[in-house]
Amino acid sequence: MSVESKAAGLKNAAYGLAVLVAIAGVIYLVMKGRNVVKAAKDAGGFLFGADSAPETVGTWLYDALNSPPAANPDGKPAYWDYSQAEKTKIRLIGAREKTYGVD
């Protein structure tokens, strides 16, 4: 076997290997593309409530803001002082009456 025929055989083997790698790459990208599409669909469902998503930004935000607070031993929520709230309410009503002349 001459050097030229060995080189031609090696060149053809390299071409064949390149084609196989390209086909494997295309298959890999198609499979990854399906995963990307699924992830985008799930993200769209979460952000925009599309596709009957079980949880959206709105439901997550509602749950985060309306979760039951931790309670003190007396049963009142830990973050709220009822006497201070009543004082603030009285001040706000007084300010409204003073500003708008509401009786």
C-alpha atoms as a PDB file:
ATOM      1  CA  MET A   1       0.000   0.000   0.000  1.00  0.00           C
ATOM      2  CA  SER A   2       1.427   3.307  -1.014  1.00  0.00           C
ATOM      3  CA  VAL A   3       1.637   6.411   1.092  1.00  0.00           C
ATOM      4  CA  GLU A   4      -0.925   8.127  -1.130  1.00  0.00           C
ATOM      5  CA  SER A   5      -3.492   5.389  -0.606  1.00  0.00           C
ATOM      6  CA  LYS A   6      -2.902   5.419   3.157  1.00  0.00           C
ATOM      7  CA  ALA A   7      -3.363   9.189   3.171  1.00  0.00           C
ATOM      8  CA  ALA A   8      -6.562   8.911   1.114  1.00  0.00           C
ATOM      9  CA  GLY A   9      -7.893   6.216   3.462  1.00  0.00           C
ATOM     10  CA  LEU A  10      -7.028   8.347   6.492  1.00  0.00           C
ATOM     11  CA  LYS A  11      -8.673  11.370   4.877  1.00  0.00           C
ATOM     12  CA  ASN A  12     -11.847   9.374   4.135  1.00  0.00           C
ATOM     13  CA  ALA A  13     -11.899   8.026   7.711  1.00  0.00           C
ATOM     14  CA  ALA A  14     -11.568  11.601   9.025  1.00  0.00           C
ATOM     15  CA  TYR A  15     -14.462  12.708   6.811  1.00  0.00           C
ATOM     16  CA  GLY A  16     -16.581   9.804   8.023  1.00  0.00           C
ATOM     17  CA  LEU A  17     -15.756  10.553  11.642  1.00  0.00           C
ATOM     18  CA  ALA A  18     -16.586  14.246  11.100  1.00  0.00           C
ATOM     19  CA  VAL A  19     -19.967  13.313   9.595  1.00  0.00           C
ATOM     20  CA  LEU A  20     -20.732  10.988  12.523  1.00  0.00           C
ATOM     21  CA  VAL A  21     -19.763  13.688  15.028  1.00  0.00           C
ATOM     22  CA  ALA A  22     -21.931  16.214  13.190  1.00  0.00           C
ATOM     23  CA  ILE A  23     -24.920  13.850  13.229  1.00  0.00           C
ATOM     24  CA  ALA A  24     -24.399  13.151  16.933  1.00  0.00           C
ATOM     25  CA  GLY A  25     -24.123  16.915  17.556  1.00  0.00           C
ATOM     26  CA  VAL A  26     -27.397  17.578  15.733  1.00  0.00           C
ATOM     27  CA  ILE A  27     -29.167  14.851  17.727  1.00  0.00           C
ATOM     28  CA  TYR A  28     -27.724  16.258  20.960  1.00  0.00           C
ATOM     29  CA  LEU A  29     -28.850  19.796  20.104  1.00  0.00           C
ATOM     30  CA  VAL A  30     -32.352  18.605  19.189  1.00  0.00           C
ATOM     31  CA  MET A  31     -32.655  16.844  22.538  1.00  0.00           C
ATOM     32  CA  LYS A  32     -31.304  19.888  24.391  1.00  0.00           C
ATOM     33  CA  GLY A  33     -33.622  22.103  22.373  1.00  0.00           C
ATOM     34  CA  ARG A  34     -36.595  20.111  23.610  1.00  0.00           C
ATOM     35  CA  ASN A  35     -35.418  20.627  27.181  1.00  0.00           C
ATOM     36  CA  VAL A  36     -34.978  24.348  26.546  1.00  0.00           C
ATOM     37  CA  VAL A  37     -38.466  24.600  25.071  1.00  0.00           C
ATOM     38  CA  LYS A  38     -39.921  22.752  28.058  1.00  0.00           C
ATOM     39  CA  ALA A  39     -38.042  25.010  30.494  1.00  0.00           C
ATOM     40  CA  ALA A  40     -39.232  28.115  28.626  1.00  0.00           C
ATOM     41  CA  LYS A  41     -42.791  26.796  28.683  1.00  0.00           C
ATOM     42  CA  ASP A  42     -42.581  26.205  32.449  1.00  0.00           C
ATOM     43  CA  ALA A  43     -41.103  29.679  32.987  1.00  0.00           C
ATOM     44  CA  GLY A  44     -43.847  31.215  30.856  1.00  0.00           C
ATOM     45  CA  GLY A  45     -46.447  29.408  32.916  1.00  0.00           C
ATOM     46  CA  PHE A  46     -44.908  30.722  36.133  1.00  0.00           C
ATOM     47  CA  LEU A  47     -44.506  34.296  34.911  1.00  0.00           C
ATOM     48  CA  PHE A  48     -47.695  34.758  32.928  1.00  0.00           C
ATOM     49  CA  GLY A  49     -50.044  32.074  34.243  1.00  0.00           C
ATOM     50  CA  ALA A  50     -50.017  30.322  30.890  1.00  0.00           C
ATOM     51  CA  ASP A  51     -50.650  26.630  30.317  1.00  0.00           C
ATOM     52  CA  SER A  52     -52.657  26.163  33.547  1.00  0.00           C
ATOM     53  CA  ALA A  53     -49.552  26.469  35.699  1.00  0.00           C
ATOM     54  CA  PRO A  54     -50.135  25.383  39.308  1.00  0.00           C
ATOM     55  CA  GLU A  55     -48.117  28.323  40.621  1.00  0.00           C
ATOM     56  CA  THR A  56     -47.597  31.760  39.102  1.00  0.00           C
ATOM     57  CA  VAL A  57     -45.839  34.908  40.212  1.00  0.00           C
ATOM     58  CA  GLY A  58     -49.184  36.198  41.466  1.00  0.00           C
ATOM     59  CA  THR A  59     -49.969  33.140  43.577  1.00  0.00           C
ATOM     60  CA  TRP A  60     -46.426  33.036  44.918  1.00  0.00           C
ATOM     61  CA  LEU A  61     -46.549  36.733  45.833  1.00  0.00           C
ATOM     62  CA  TYR A  62     -49.987  36.371  47.431  1.00  0.00           C
ATOM     63  CA  ASP A  63     -48.783  33.435  49.520  1.00  0.00           C
ATOM     64  CA  ALA A  64     -45.622  35.292  50.516  1.00  0.00           C
ATOM     65  CA  LEU A  65     -47.497  38.409  51.622  1.00  0.00           C
ATOM     66  CA  ASN A  66     -50.448  36.651  53.262  1.00  0.00           C
ATOM     67  CA  SER A  67     -48.737  33.865  55.143  1.00  0.00           C
ATOM     68  CA  PRO A  68     -49.891  33.513  58.728  1.00  0.00           C
ATOM     69  CA  PRO A  69     -47.632  35.495  61.040  1.00  0.00           C
ATOM     70  CA  ALA A  70     -45.769  34.117  63.997  1.00  0.00           C
ATOM     71  CA  ALA A  71     -47.746  34.741  67.181  1.00  0.00           C
ATOM     72  CA  ASN A  72     -46.629  35.929  70.602  1.00  0.00           C
ATOM     73  CA  PRO A  73     -47.676  33.965  73.685  1.00  0.00           C
ATOM     74  CA  ASP A  74     -50.699  36.268  74.085  1.00  0.00           C
ATOM     75  CA  GLY A  75     -51.937  35.251  70.619  1.00  0.00           C
ATOM     76  CA  LYS A  76     -51.242  38.594  68.933  1.00  0.00           C
ATOM     77  CA  PRO A  77     -49.082  38.541  65.802  1.00  0.00           C
ATOM     78  CA  ALA A  78     -45.421  39.200  66.528  1.00  0.00           C
ATOM     79  CA  TYR A  79     -45.147  42.105  64.085  1.00  0.00           C
ATOM     80  CA  TRP A  80     -48.281  44.007  65.173  1.00  0.00           C
ATOM     81  CA  ASP A  81     -49.024  46.136  68.211  1.00  0.00           C
ATOM     82  CA  TYR A  82     -52.780  46.628  68.495  1.00  0.00           C
ATOM     83  CA  SER A  83     -52.588  49.603  70.875  1.00  0.00           C
ATOM     84  CA  GLN A  84     -50.197  51.402  68.546  1.00  0.00           C
ATOM     85  CA  ALA A  85     -52.458  50.613  65.598  1.00  0.00           C
ATOM     86  CA  GLU A  86     -55.434  52.119  67.399  1.00  0.00           C
ATOM     87  CA  LYS A  87     -53.438  55.281  68.204  1.00  0.00           C
ATOM     88  CA  THR A  88     -52.334  55.553  64.577  1.00  0.00           C
ATOM     89  CA  LYS A  89     -55.911  55.100  63.367  1.00  0.00           C
ATOM     90  CA  ILE A  90     -57.126  57.892  65.657  1.00  0.00           C
ATOM     91  CA  ARG A  91     -54.338  60.203  64.443  1.00  0.00           C
ATOM     92  CA  LEU A  92     -55.097  59.462  60.792  1.00  0.00           C
ATOM     93  CA  ILE A  93     -58.806  60.124  61.261  1.00  0.00           C
ATOM     94  CA  GLY A  94     -57.984  63.388  63.050  1.00  0.00           C
ATOM     95  CA  ALA A  95     -55.626  64.442  60.256  1.00  0.00           C
ATOM     96  CA  ARG A  96     -58.236  63.618  57.619  1.00  0.00           C
ATOM     97  CA  GLU A  97     -60.878  65.655  59.440  1.00  0.00           C
ATOM     98  CA  LYS A  98     -58.469  68.547  59.852  1.00  0.00           C
ATOM     99  CA  THR A  99     -57.411  68.444  56.200  1.00  0.00           C
ATOM    100  CA  TYR A 100     -60.747  67.820  54.509  1.00  0.00           C
ATOM    101  CA  GLY A 101     -63.087  69.243  57.123  1.00  0.00           C
ATOM    102  CA  VAL A 102     -64.924  65.919  57.419  1.00  0.00           C
ATOM    103  CA  ASP A 103     -67.026  65.607  60.546  1.00  0.00           C
END
